Amino acid sequence: MKTRNLSILLASLFVIAGALFASGARAEGEVPAPPAIGATIEDFTLPDVDNKDHSLKSLAGKNGTVLLFIAVQCPVSNAYNERMEKLAQDYKARGIAVIGINANAAEDAAAVKAHASEHKLSFTILKDPGNKIADKLGATVTPEAYFLDASNKLLYHGRIDNARNAAQIETSDLRNVLDAALAGKPIEKTEARAFGCSIKRA
C-alpha cells in the first residue's frame, strides 16, 4: 500500500514538474512586444548573405527605411516577392531604402542568397542570427514590415497590404504610409496586423 502511494506521489510530482517546465519553456519563447509607434530604433549591425556586416545606418535611405522580415520557405512571404522587389525599386529613387531581414534559424545564408537570386530580389537581405533584431522589434511573422523615418523613428508596423493574392489587394497599407511620409502628410494608419508564417526562432 505504501509503495502504491509512493508511486502515485512520484507520478504526480513528475506531472507537476513537467507542467512547470512546459510553462517555463513557453514563457522563454515568448516574443517581446514591438516598440511603440514613435519610438526611435537604435542602430544595429547584421551580416548579409556573404557574411559582410552592415549597420542600419549604412543602409538607411535619406528619407527613411523599410525593414521587411522575409523567409525562404514561407509561401506567404514568397507570394510577396515581386511586390517587395517592386516596392524597393519604386522607392529607391525617392530616398527610401528597403532592407530584408531573415531571422529563421533553419534558413542559412546560402539558402537566403540562392532564394534572392532565384526570385531576383535586388535589395540587401541580412541574416539575424539568434533572432536578436526580430526580438528587439517584436517581429513574429514573414512578411512583416517596419517603416522608420530619416531619424530612425518608427512610423509604421504591420502588413505590406491586405491580401496574399495580389489580385485581391484592397489597401496597400505600406505604400500609403510611404507616400504620406514623403508628402509630409500625417500617417493615418500606423499599424495593421501582419499575417504570414511564424518566424522560426533559434
Protein backbone atom coordinates (compact mmCIF):
# COMPACT_ATOMS: atom_id res chain seq x y z
CA MET A 1 0.00 0.00 0.00
CA LYS A 2 2.82 2.37 0.95
CA THR A 3 4.62 1.50 -2.28
CA ARG A 4 1.48 2.26 -4.29
CA ASN A 5 1.02 5.62 -2.54
CA LEU A 6 4.66 6.46 -3.15
CA SER A 7 4.29 5.63 -6.83
CA ILE A 8 1.21 7.88 -7.10
CA LEU A 9 3.08 10.69 -5.31
CA LEU A 10 6.10 10.36 -7.60
CA ALA A 11 3.87 10.29 -10.69
CA SER A 12 2.11 13.43 -9.51
CA LEU A 13 5.41 15.17 -8.94
CA PHE A 14 6.55 14.28 -12.46
CA VAL A 15 3.33 15.70 -13.90
CA ILE A 16 3.68 18.93 -11.90
CA ALA A 17 7.36 19.26 -12.83
CA GLY A 18 6.52 18.66 -16.49
CA ALA A 19 3.81 21.31 -16.43
CA LEU A 20 6.15 23.81 -14.81
CA PHE A 21 8.85 23.06 -17.36
CA ALA A 22 6.42 23.44 -20.25
CA SER A 23 5.09 26.76 -18.98
CA GLY A 24 8.65 27.94 -18.43
CA ALA A 25 9.59 26.98 -21.97
CA ARG A 26 6.60 28.85 -23.33
CA ALA A 27 7.45 31.94 -21.30
CA GLU A 28 11.04 31.80 -22.51
CA GLY A 29 9.89 31.52 -26.13
CA GLU A 30 7.50 34.46 -25.98
CA VAL A 31 8.21 37.25 -28.42
CA PRO A 32 8.86 40.65 -26.81
CA ALA A 33 6.34 43.38 -27.55
CA PRO A 34 7.24 45.58 -30.52
CA PRO A 35 8.43 49.15 -29.94
CA ALA A 36 5.70 51.77 -29.73
CA ILE A 37 4.96 53.86 -32.80
CA GLY A 38 7.14 56.97 -32.46
CA ALA A 39 9.95 55.12 -30.70
CA THR A 40 13.47 55.54 -32.04
CA ILE A 41 15.05 52.30 -33.25
CA GLU A 42 18.69 52.03 -32.24
CA ASP A 43 21.31 51.32 -34.86
CA PHE A 44 22.23 47.65 -35.26
CA THR A 45 24.63 45.57 -37.32
CA LEU A 46 23.88 42.27 -39.07
CA PRO A 47 25.71 40.15 -41.66
CA ASP A 48 24.49 39.88 -45.24
CA VAL A 49 24.32 36.62 -47.22
CA ASP A 50 28.08 36.88 -47.90
CA ASN A 51 28.78 37.34 -44.18
CA LYS A 52 29.67 41.00 -44.61
CA ASP A 53 28.45 43.18 -41.74
CA HIS A 54 26.17 46.14 -42.39
CA SER A 55 24.79 48.65 -39.92
CA LEU A 56 21.28 50.01 -40.24
CA LYS A 57 22.84 53.46 -40.56
CA SER A 58 24.96 52.41 -43.54
CA LEU A 59 21.96 51.04 -45.46
CA ALA A 60 19.32 53.59 -44.45
CA GLY A 61 17.68 55.81 -47.05
CA LYS A 62 17.90 59.59 -46.77
CA ASN A 63 14.10 59.76 -46.45
CA GLY A 64 13.57 56.60 -44.44
CA THR A 65 13.99 52.84 -44.33
CA VAL A 66 11.66 49.87 -44.67
CA LEU A 67 12.65 46.73 -42.77
CA LEU A 68 10.98 43.59 -44.13
CA PHE A 69 11.17 40.29 -42.27
CA ILE A 70 11.12 37.67 -45.02
CA ALA A 71 11.66 33.93 -45.44
CA VAL A 72 12.92 31.38 -47.94
CA GLN A 73 10.32 28.66 -47.43
CA CYS A 74 7.22 30.57 -46.29
CA PRO A 75 4.56 30.53 -49.04
CA VAL A 76 3.06 33.79 -47.81
CA SER A 77 6.40 35.61 -47.89
CA ASN A 78 7.09 34.11 -51.31
CA ALA A 79 3.74 35.38 -52.59
CA TYR A 80 5.09 38.87 -51.87
CA ASN A 81 8.49 38.50 -53.59
CA GLU A 82 7.53 40.50 -56.70
CA ARG A 83 5.71 43.14 -54.65
CA MET A 84 8.65 43.55 -52.27
CA GLU A 85 11.09 43.96 -55.17
CA LYS A 86 8.77 46.45 -56.89
CA LEU A 87 8.47 48.37 -53.61
CA ALA A 88 12.26 48.53 -53.31
CA GLN A 89 12.65 49.74 -56.87
CA ASP A 90 9.81 52.29 -56.73
CA TYR A 91 11.00 53.99 -53.56
CA LYS A 92 14.77 53.75 -54.01
CA ALA A 93 14.72 56.78 -56.31
CA ARG A 94 12.61 58.62 -53.73
CA GLY A 95 15.17 58.15 -50.96
CA ILE A 96 13.62 55.23 -49.10
CA ALA A 97 15.72 52.08 -48.71
CA VAL A 98 14.27 48.58 -48.36
CA ILE A 99 16.20 46.07 -46.24
CA GLY A 100 15.22 42.42 -45.95
CA ILE A 101 15.90 40.51 -42.73
CA ASN A 102 15.81 36.73 -42.46
CA ALA A 103 15.53 35.63 -38.83
CA ASN A 104 14.62 31.97 -39.44
CA ALA A 105 17.14 29.76 -37.67
CA ALA A 106 16.75 26.90 -40.18
CA GLU A 107 17.43 29.08 -43.24
CA ASP A 108 21.17 29.69 -43.56
CA ALA A 109 22.88 32.45 -45.52
CA ALA A 110 23.49 30.20 -48.54
CA ALA A 111 19.78 29.37 -48.78
CA VAL A 112 18.84 33.05 -48.43
CA LYS A 113 21.35 34.03 -51.15
CA ALA A 114 20.08 31.36 -53.54
CA HIS A 115 16.47 32.36 -52.87
CA ALA A 116 17.20 36.04 -53.53
CA SER A 117 18.95 35.16 -56.80
CA GLU A 118 16.14 32.86 -57.94
CA HIS A 119 13.46 35.46 -57.25
CA LYS A 120 15.54 38.43 -58.45
CA LEU A 121 15.46 40.29 -55.13
CA SER A 122 17.92 43.15 -55.53
CA PHE A 123 17.57 44.78 -52.11
CA THR A 124 20.03 43.92 -49.35
CA ILE A 125 19.00 40.94 -47.23
CA LEU A 126 20.56 40.45 -43.81
CA LYS A 127 20.67 37.37 -41.61
CA ASP A 128 19.59 37.77 -37.99
CA PRO A 129 21.50 35.10 -36.03
CA GLY A 130 19.72 34.20 -32.81
CA ASN A 131 16.78 36.39 -33.96
CA LYS A 132 18.11 39.29 -31.87
CA ILE A 133 16.70 42.01 -34.10
CA ALA A 134 13.43 40.12 -34.58
CA ASP A 135 13.15 40.05 -30.79
CA LYS A 136 14.12 43.70 -30.49
CA LEU A 137 11.38 44.68 -32.95
CA GLY A 138 8.83 42.13 -31.77
CA ALA A 139 8.59 40.58 -35.25
CA THR A 140 6.51 37.40 -35.34
CA VAL A 141 5.74 36.52 -38.97
CA THR A 142 7.00 36.72 -42.54
CA PRO A 143 6.41 39.06 -44.22
CA GLU A 144 6.28 41.81 -41.59
CA ALA A 145 7.16 45.45 -42.27
CA TYR A 146 8.57 48.35 -40.25
CA PHE A 147 8.98 51.86 -41.63
CA LEU A 148 11.49 54.19 -39.99
CA ASP A 149 11.86 57.85 -40.89
CA ALA A 150 15.22 59.52 -41.57
CA SER A 151 15.81 59.75 -37.81
CA ASN A 152 15.00 56.04 -37.27
CA LYS A 153 11.67 56.89 -35.66
CA LEU A 154 9.15 54.08 -36.11
CA LEU A 155 6.21 55.39 -38.14
CA TYR A 156 4.54 52.14 -39.20
CA HIS A 157 4.49 48.47 -38.23
CA GLY A 158 2.49 45.68 -39.82
CA ARG A 159 1.46 44.16 -43.12
CA ILE A 160 2.52 45.21 -46.62
CA ASP A 161 -1.06 45.13 -47.87
CA ASN A 162 -4.28 43.25 -47.10
CA ALA A 163 -4.02 40.19 -49.37
CA ARG A 164 -1.62 37.34 -50.09
CA ASN A 165 -3.18 37.16 -53.57
CA ALA A 166 -2.15 40.32 -55.45
CA ALA A 167 -5.44 40.29 -57.37
CA GLN A 168 -7.34 40.80 -54.11
CA ILE A 169 -5.48 43.87 -52.81
CA GLU A 170 -7.85 46.49 -51.48
CA THR A 171 -5.49 48.56 -49.38
CA SER A 172 -1.73 49.00 -49.90
CA ASP A 173 -1.01 49.91 -46.30
CA LEU A 174 2.77 50.22 -46.51
CA ARG A 175 2.78 52.21 -49.77
CA ASN A 176 0.14 54.55 -48.35
CA VAL A 177 2.39 55.22 -45.36
CA LEU A 178 5.47 55.84 -47.52
CA ASP A 179 3.58 58.18 -49.83
CA ALA A 180 2.17 60.15 -46.89
CA ALA A 181 5.60 60.45 -45.25
CA LEU A 182 7.22 61.62 -48.48
CA ALA A 183 4.46 64.20 -48.98
CA GLY A 184 4.89 65.46 -45.42
CA LYS A 185 1.36 64.39 -44.53
CA PRO A 186 0.24 62.74 -41.27
CA ILE A 187 0.10 58.95 -41.37
CA GLU A 188 -3.49 57.86 -40.85
CA LYS A 189 -2.83 54.16 -40.20
CA THR A 190 0.32 53.49 -38.21
CA GLU A 191 -0.36 49.80 -37.56
CA ALA A 192 -2.02 46.96 -39.47
CA ARG A 193 -1.68 43.41 -38.21
CA ALA A 194 0.84 41.42 -40.24
CA PHE A 195 -0.01 37.88 -41.37
CA GLY A 196 2.14 35.02 -42.67
CA CYS A 197 4.34 32.20 -41.39
CA SER A 198 5.74 32.37 -37.89
CA ILE A 199 9.43 33.23 -37.61
CA LYS A 200 11.30 30.03 -36.69
CA ARG A 201 13.41 31.28 -33.82
CA ALA A 202 16.63 29.77 -32.53
